[in-house]
Amino acid sequence: MNSTTPSVQSKNKITGDAIIWVMILGDMTNFMVGFAYYGYLRNDAMSLFRQSQETLSIPIGATNSLIMLFSSWLMVLALSSVRRGKFQLASNFVLAALACGIAFTVLKAWEFSQKADAGIHFLTNDFYTLYYTLTGLHFTHVVVGTGLLACYAYILRYRTMTPGKVFYFETAAIYWHMVDLLWIVIFTLMYLLP
């Protein structure tokens, strides 16, 4: 077998571990069920959902959307840098994406605390039950993602990147992009849908 065969095979292979794709399929299915249930309940109580939706802060949601989109772009730059062997640069991009993840969680926690101060909680009505469920699950995904980013920022800066570690870094980047995509759907559905 010649030395070019592995690279040809790797170009035809889907990026990331098969487990991440199964997890993403499962996560997306769970969220899609939540989105469909939100639509179902919204159709039955349109005025309640619109009234509740007006209490959400579009500027906070939009800022979090920009933060997530920017962090995904940073992960694209990090992955590109890793593939070119520029691990220090990749570490800087991952640290910046990590900072975005932390900013998102702080802003979202602040939004949750504003709702709590206003007496709005999980059982206030169906809208808020779904709001806290969907945004809370997403929040958990962001926290897990920031942990992954922190690990990879360290690995890229202080450890040797083997092909296996690059493979798992690609898997972490795929996870982070899923988290970004989910937030865009949540923001559109819960904050913007008229």
C-alpha atoms as a PDB file:
ATOM      1  CA  MET A   1       0.000   0.000   0.000  1.00  0.00           C
ATOM      2  CA  ASN A   2       1.474   3.404  -0.891  1.00  0.00           C
ATOM      3  CA  SER A   3       1.619   6.437   1.349  1.00  0.00           C
ATOM      4  CA  THR A   4      -1.143   8.311  -0.461  1.00  0.00           C
ATOM      5  CA  THR A   5      -3.845   5.736   0.226  1.00  0.00           C
ATOM      6  CA  PRO A   6      -4.659   6.828   3.817  1.00  0.00           C
ATOM      7  CA  SER A   7      -5.095  10.475   2.840  1.00  0.00           C
ATOM      8  CA  VAL A   8      -7.409   9.540  -0.024  1.00  0.00           C
ATOM      9  CA  GLN A   9      -9.453   7.397   2.338  1.00  0.00           C
ATOM     10  CA  SER A  10      -9.583  10.120   4.987  1.00  0.00           C
ATOM     11  CA  LYS A  11     -10.926  12.645   2.463  1.00  0.00           C
ATOM     12  CA  ASN A  12     -13.873  10.336   1.815  1.00  0.00           C
ATOM     13  CA  LYS A  13     -14.548   9.781   5.506  1.00  0.00           C
ATOM     14  CA  ILE A  14     -17.097  11.832   7.431  1.00  0.00           C
ATOM     15  CA  THR A  15     -15.417  14.157   9.907  1.00  0.00           C
ATOM     16  CA  GLY A  16     -15.688  13.227  13.561  1.00  0.00           C
ATOM     17  CA  ASP A  17     -16.455  10.072  15.453  1.00  0.00           C
ATOM     18  CA  ALA A  18     -19.590   8.070  14.594  1.00  0.00           C
ATOM     19  CA  ILE A  19     -20.683   8.420  18.229  1.00  0.00           C
ATOM     20  CA  ILE A  20     -20.934  12.216  17.896  1.00  0.00           C
ATOM     21  CA  TRP A  21     -23.214  11.838  14.871  1.00  0.00           C
ATOM     22  CA  VAL A  22     -25.448   9.419  16.776  1.00  0.00           C
ATOM     23  CA  MET A  23     -25.494  11.838  19.715  1.00  0.00           C
ATOM     24  CA  ILE A  24     -26.292  14.774  17.430  1.00  0.00           C
ATOM     25  CA  LEU A  25     -29.104  12.818  15.793  1.00  0.00           C
ATOM     26  CA  GLY A  26     -30.488  11.983  19.245  1.00  0.00           C
ATOM     27  CA  ASP A  27     -30.138  15.555  20.498  1.00  0.00           C
ATOM     28  CA  MET A  28     -31.676  17.030  17.371  1.00  0.00           C
ATOM     29  CA  THR A  29     -34.562  14.554  17.609  1.00  0.00           C
ATOM     30  CA  ASN A  30     -35.189  15.524  21.254  1.00  0.00           C
ATOM     31  CA  PHE A  31     -35.094  19.213  20.449  1.00  0.00           C
ATOM     32  CA  MET A  32     -37.290  18.745  17.368  1.00  0.00           C
ATOM     33  CA  VAL A  33     -39.899  17.040  19.541  1.00  0.00           C
ATOM     34  CA  GLY A  34     -39.697  20.014  21.906  1.00  0.00           C
ATOM     35  CA  PHE A  35     -40.018  22.460  19.011  1.00  0.00           C
ATOM     36  CA  ALA A  36     -43.004  20.572  17.593  1.00  0.00           C
ATOM     37  CA  TYR A  37     -44.662  20.491  21.021  1.00  0.00           C
ATOM     38  CA  TYR A  38     -44.015  24.215  21.370  1.00  0.00           C
ATOM     39  CA  GLY A  39     -45.759  24.784  18.013  1.00  0.00           C
ATOM     40  CA  TYR A  40     -48.663  22.566  19.012  1.00  0.00           C
ATOM     41  CA  LEU A  41     -49.228  24.346  22.334  1.00  0.00           C
ATOM     42  CA  ARG A  42     -48.660  27.761  20.756  1.00  0.00           C
ATOM     43  CA  ASN A  43     -51.434  27.158  18.237  1.00  0.00           C
ATOM     44  CA  ASP A  44     -53.850  26.345  21.074  1.00  0.00           C
ATOM     45  CA  ALA A  45     -52.936  29.388  23.195  1.00  0.00           C
ATOM     46  CA  MET A  46     -51.603  31.986  20.742  1.00  0.00           C
ATOM     47  CA  SER A  47     -52.398  35.054  22.867  1.00  0.00           C
ATOM     48  CA  LEU A  48     -50.809  33.547  26.005  1.00  0.00           C
ATOM     49  CA  PHE A  49     -47.665  32.601  24.086  1.00  0.00           C
ATOM     50  CA  ARG A  50     -47.403  36.025  22.442  1.00  0.00           C
ATOM     51  CA  GLN A  51     -47.917  37.789  25.770  1.00  0.00           C
ATOM     52  CA  SER A  52     -45.281  35.611  27.435  1.00  0.00           C
ATOM     53  CA  GLN A  53     -42.921  36.008  24.492  1.00  0.00           C
ATOM     54  CA  GLU A  54     -43.036  39.797  24.928  1.00  0.00           C
ATOM     55  CA  THR A  55     -41.314  39.418  28.315  1.00  0.00           C
ATOM     56  CA  LEU A  56     -38.220  37.942  26.642  1.00  0.00           C
ATOM     57  CA  SER A  57     -35.366  40.282  25.834  1.00  0.00           C
ATOM     58  CA  ILE A  58     -34.700  40.288  22.095  1.00  0.00           C
ATOM     59  CA  PRO A  59     -31.441  42.262  22.591  1.00  0.00           C
ATOM     60  CA  ILE A  60     -30.141  39.592  24.997  1.00  0.00           C
ATOM     61  CA  GLY A  61     -31.251  36.774  22.695  1.00  0.00           C
ATOM     62  CA  ALA A  62     -29.750  38.500  19.658  1.00  0.00           C
ATOM     63  CA  THR A  63     -26.489  39.162  21.500  1.00  0.00           C
ATOM     64  CA  ASN A  64     -26.313  35.500  22.476  1.00  0.00           C
ATOM     65  CA  SER A  65     -26.980  34.566  18.844  1.00  0.00           C
ATOM     66  CA  LEU A  66     -24.083  36.737  17.679  1.00  0.00           C
ATOM     67  CA  ILE A  67     -21.876  35.264  20.411  1.00  0.00           C
ATOM     68  CA  MET A  68     -22.703  31.713  19.299  1.00  0.00           C
ATOM     69  CA  LEU A  69     -22.195  32.479  15.595  1.00  0.00           C
ATOM     70  CA  PHE A  70     -18.865  34.174  16.331  1.00  0.00           C
ATOM     71  CA  SER A  71     -17.740  31.236  18.474  1.00  0.00           C
ATOM     72  CA  SER A  72     -18.577  28.807  15.648  1.00  0.00           C
ATOM     73  CA  TRP A  73     -16.496  30.895  13.262  1.00  0.00           C
ATOM     74  CA  LEU A  74     -13.630  30.807  15.761  1.00  0.00           C
ATOM     75  CA  MET A  75     -13.891  27.015  15.881  1.00  0.00           C
ATOM     76  CA  VAL A  76     -13.683  26.869  12.085  1.00  0.00           C
ATOM     77  CA  LEU A  77     -10.494  28.941  12.284  1.00  0.00           C
ATOM     78  CA  ALA A  78      -9.163  26.718  15.082  1.00  0.00           C
ATOM     79  CA  LEU A  79      -9.815  23.538  13.131  1.00  0.00           C
ATOM     80  CA  SER A  80      -8.192  25.004  10.034  1.00  0.00           C
ATOM     81  CA  SER A  81      -5.159  25.933  12.125  1.00  0.00           C
ATOM     82  CA  VAL A  82      -4.967  22.436  13.637  1.00  0.00           C
ATOM     83  CA  ARG A  83      -5.068  20.844  10.195  1.00  0.00           C
ATOM     84  CA  ARG A  84      -2.168  23.094   9.135  1.00  0.00           C
ATOM     85  CA  GLY A  85      -0.185  22.180  12.254  1.00  0.00           C
ATOM     86  CA  LYS A  86      -0.456  25.650  13.821  1.00  0.00           C
ATOM     87  CA  PHE A  87      -1.411  24.467  17.284  1.00  0.00           C
ATOM     88  CA  GLN A  88      -0.598  27.649  19.238  1.00  0.00           C
ATOM     89  CA  LEU A  89      -2.764  29.696  16.892  1.00  0.00           C
ATOM     90  CA  ALA A  90      -5.506  27.071  17.152  1.00  0.00           C
ATOM     91  CA  SER A  91      -5.283  27.280  20.943  1.00  0.00           C
ATOM     92  CA  ASN A  92      -5.829  31.049  20.764  1.00  0.00           C
ATOM     93  CA  PHE A  93      -8.927  30.560  18.601  1.00  0.00           C
ATOM     94  CA  VAL A  94     -10.262  27.915  20.985  1.00  0.00           C
ATOM     95  CA  LEU A  95      -9.659  30.204  23.959  1.00  0.00           C
ATOM     96  CA  ALA A  96     -11.609  32.944  22.176  1.00  0.00           C
ATOM     97  CA  ALA A  97     -14.448  30.480  21.453  1.00  0.00           C
ATOM     98  CA  LEU A  98     -14.306  29.435  25.109  1.00  0.00           C
ATOM     99  CA  ALA A  99     -14.651  33.087  26.144  1.00  0.00           C
ATOM    100  CA  CYS A 100     -17.717  33.298  23.897  1.00  0.00           C
ATOM    101  CA  GLY A 101     -19.190  30.211  25.562  1.00  0.00           C
ATOM    102  CA  ILE A 102     -18.616  31.730  28.991  1.00  0.00           C
ATOM    103  CA  ALA A 103     -20.134  35.039  27.859  1.00  0.00           C
ATOM    104  CA  PHE A 104     -23.184  33.171  26.584  1.00  0.00           C
ATOM    105  CA  THR A 105     -23.670  31.336  29.898  1.00  0.00           C
ATOM    106  CA  VAL A 106     -23.251  34.513  31.942  1.00  0.00           C
ATOM    107  CA  LEU A 107     -25.738  36.424  29.787  1.00  0.00           C
ATOM    108  CA  LYS A 108     -28.218  33.533  29.805  1.00  0.00           C
ATOM    109  CA  ALA A 109     -27.891  33.113  33.591  1.00  0.00           C
ATOM    110  CA  TRP A 110     -28.541  36.852  33.964  1.00  0.00           C
ATOM    111  CA  GLU A 111     -31.654  36.498  31.784  1.00  0.00           C
ATOM    112  CA  PHE A 112     -32.834  33.564  33.925  1.00  0.00           C
ATOM    113  CA  SER A 113     -32.276  35.626  37.086  1.00  0.00           C
ATOM    114  CA  GLN A 114     -34.292  38.521  35.621  1.00  0.00           C
ATOM    115  CA  LYS A 115     -37.187  36.134  35.051  1.00  0.00           C
ATOM    116  CA  ALA A 116     -36.884  34.790  38.605  1.00  0.00           C
ATOM    117  CA  ASP A 117     -36.857  38.340  40.021  1.00  0.00           C
ATOM    118  CA  ALA A 118     -40.061  39.039  38.071  1.00  0.00           C
ATOM    119  CA  GLY A 119     -41.679  35.945  39.604  1.00  0.00           C
ATOM    120  CA  ILE A 120     -41.584  34.006  36.340  1.00  0.00           C
ATOM    121  CA  HIS A 121     -40.625  30.370  36.788  1.00  0.00           C
ATOM    122  CA  PHE A 122     -40.866  26.948  35.173  1.00  0.00           C
ATOM    123  CA  LEU A 123     -44.552  26.442  36.046  1.00  0.00           C
ATOM    124  CA  THR A 124     -45.831  29.967  35.328  1.00  0.00           C
ATOM    125  CA  ASN A 125     -47.500  28.751  32.115  1.00  0.00           C
ATOM    126  CA  ASP A 126     -46.916  26.404  29.174  1.00  0.00           C
ATOM    127  CA  PHE A 127     -44.738  28.936  27.361  1.00  0.00           C
ATOM    128  CA  TYR A 128     -42.338  29.247  30.286  1.00  0.00           C
ATOM    129  CA  THR A 129     -42.300  25.499  30.881  1.00  0.00           C
ATOM    130  CA  LEU A 130     -41.046  25.053  27.322  1.00  0.00           C
ATOM    131  CA  TYR A 131     -38.841  28.159  27.509  1.00  0.00           C
ATOM    132  CA  TYR A 132     -37.008  26.871  30.585  1.00  0.00           C
ATOM    133  CA  THR A 133     -36.874  23.310  29.253  1.00  0.00           C
ATOM    134  CA  LEU A 134     -35.454  24.164  25.833  1.00  0.00           C
ATOM    135  CA  THR A 135     -33.161  26.997  26.892  1.00  0.00           C
ATOM    136  CA  GLY A 136     -32.097  25.072  30.001  1.00  0.00           C
ATOM    137  CA  LEU A 137     -31.145  22.009  27.962  1.00  0.00           C
ATOM    138  CA  HIS A 138     -29.278  24.231  25.549  1.00  0.00           C
ATOM    139  CA  PHE A 139     -27.559  26.005  28.462  1.00  0.00           C
ATOM    140  CA  THR A 140     -26.390  22.588  29.711  1.00  0.00           C
ATOM    141  CA  HIS A 141     -25.007  21.793  26.260  1.00  0.00           C
ATOM    142  CA  VAL A 142     -23.082  25.093  26.263  1.00  0.00           C
ATOM    143  CA  VAL A 143     -21.599  24.335  29.685  1.00  0.00           C
ATOM    144  CA  VAL A 144     -20.468  20.882  28.490  1.00  0.00           C
ATOM    145  CA  GLY A 145     -19.081  22.474  25.314  1.00  0.00           C
ATOM    146  CA  THR A 146     -17.100  25.073  27.232  1.00  0.00           C
ATOM    147  CA  GLY A 147     -15.566  22.252  29.262  1.00  0.00           C
ATOM    148  CA  LEU A 148     -14.505  20.539  26.028  1.00  0.00           C
ATOM    149  CA  LEU A 149     -13.089  23.800  24.683  1.00  0.00           C
ATOM    150  CA  ALA A 150     -11.111  24.366  27.890  1.00  0.00           C
ATOM    151  CA  CYS A 151      -9.618  20.871  27.599  1.00  0.00           C
ATOM    152  CA  TYR A 152      -8.646  21.379  23.975  1.00  0.00           C
ATOM    153  CA  ALA A 153      -7.213  24.848  24.569  1.00  0.00           C
ATOM    154  CA  TYR A 154      -4.900  23.198  27.106  1.00  0.00           C
ATOM    155  CA  ILE A 155      -4.084  20.206  24.882  1.00  0.00           C
ATOM    156  CA  LEU A 156      -3.314  22.421  21.873  1.00  0.00           C
ATOM    157  CA  ARG A 157      -1.011  24.625  23.916  1.00  0.00           C
ATOM    158  CA  TYR A 158       0.782  22.129  26.134  1.00  0.00           C
ATOM    159  CA  ARG A 159       0.472  18.646  24.634  1.00  0.00           C
ATOM    160  CA  THR A 160       1.477  16.961  21.397  1.00  0.00           C
ATOM    161  CA  MET A 161      -1.340  16.740  18.879  1.00  0.00           C
ATOM    162  CA  THR A 162      -1.496  13.231  17.476  1.00  0.00           C
ATOM    163  CA  PRO A 163      -3.812  12.279  14.578  1.00  0.00           C
ATOM    164  CA  GLY A 164      -6.160  10.733  17.149  1.00  0.00           C
ATOM    165  CA  LYS A 165      -6.332  13.985  19.107  1.00  0.00           C
ATOM    166  CA  VAL A 166      -7.000  15.917  15.901  1.00  0.00           C
ATOM    167  CA  PHE A 167      -9.836  13.490  15.145  1.00  0.00           C
ATOM    168  CA  TYR A 168     -11.388  14.102  18.564  1.00  0.00           C
ATOM    169  CA  PHE A 169     -10.873  17.840  18.231  1.00  0.00           C
ATOM    170  CA  GLU A 170     -12.901  17.662  15.005  1.00  0.00           C
ATOM    171  CA  THR A 171     -15.570  15.825  16.977  1.00  0.00           C
ATOM    172  CA  ALA A 172     -15.603  18.576  19.635  1.00  0.00           C
ATOM    173  CA  ALA A 173     -15.927  21.208  16.895  1.00  0.00           C
ATOM    174  CA  ILE A 174     -18.917  19.352  15.419  1.00  0.00           C
ATOM    175  CA  TYR A 175     -20.550  19.321  18.854  1.00  0.00           C
ATOM    176  CA  TRP A 176     -19.978  23.066  19.231  1.00  0.00           C
ATOM    177  CA  HIS A 177     -21.550  23.753  15.828  1.00  0.00           C
ATOM    178  CA  MET A 178     -24.614  21.739  16.866  1.00  0.00           C
ATOM    179  CA  VAL A 179     -24.931  23.859  20.010  1.00  0.00           C
ATOM    180  CA  ASP A 180     -24.774  26.980  17.839  1.00  0.00           C
ATOM    181  CA  LEU A 181     -27.412  25.675  15.431  1.00  0.00           C
ATOM    182  CA  LEU A 182     -29.763  24.756  18.269  1.00  0.00           C
ATOM    183  CA  TRP A 183     -29.549  28.246  19.742  1.00  0.00           C
ATOM    184  CA  ILE A 184     -30.375  29.876  16.398  1.00  0.00           C
ATOM    185  CA  VAL A 185     -33.533  27.749  16.159  1.00  0.00           C
ATOM    186  CA  ILE A 186     -34.481  28.438  19.797  1.00  0.00           C
ATOM    187  CA  PHE A 187     -33.920  32.183  19.378  1.00  0.00           C
ATOM    188  CA  THR A 188     -35.993  32.311  16.198  1.00  0.00           C
ATOM    189  CA  LEU A 189     -38.802  30.174  17.582  1.00  0.00           C
ATOM    190  CA  MET A 190     -39.129  31.603  21.090  1.00  0.00           C
ATOM    191  CA  TYR A 191     -37.956  35.197  20.722  1.00  0.00           C
ATOM    192  CA  LEU A 192     -38.799  36.242  17.163  1.00  0.00           C
ATOM    193  CA  LEU A 193     -41.699  34.156  15.840  1.00  0.00           C
ATOM    194  CA  PRO A 194     -44.688  36.528  15.639  1.00  0.00           C
END
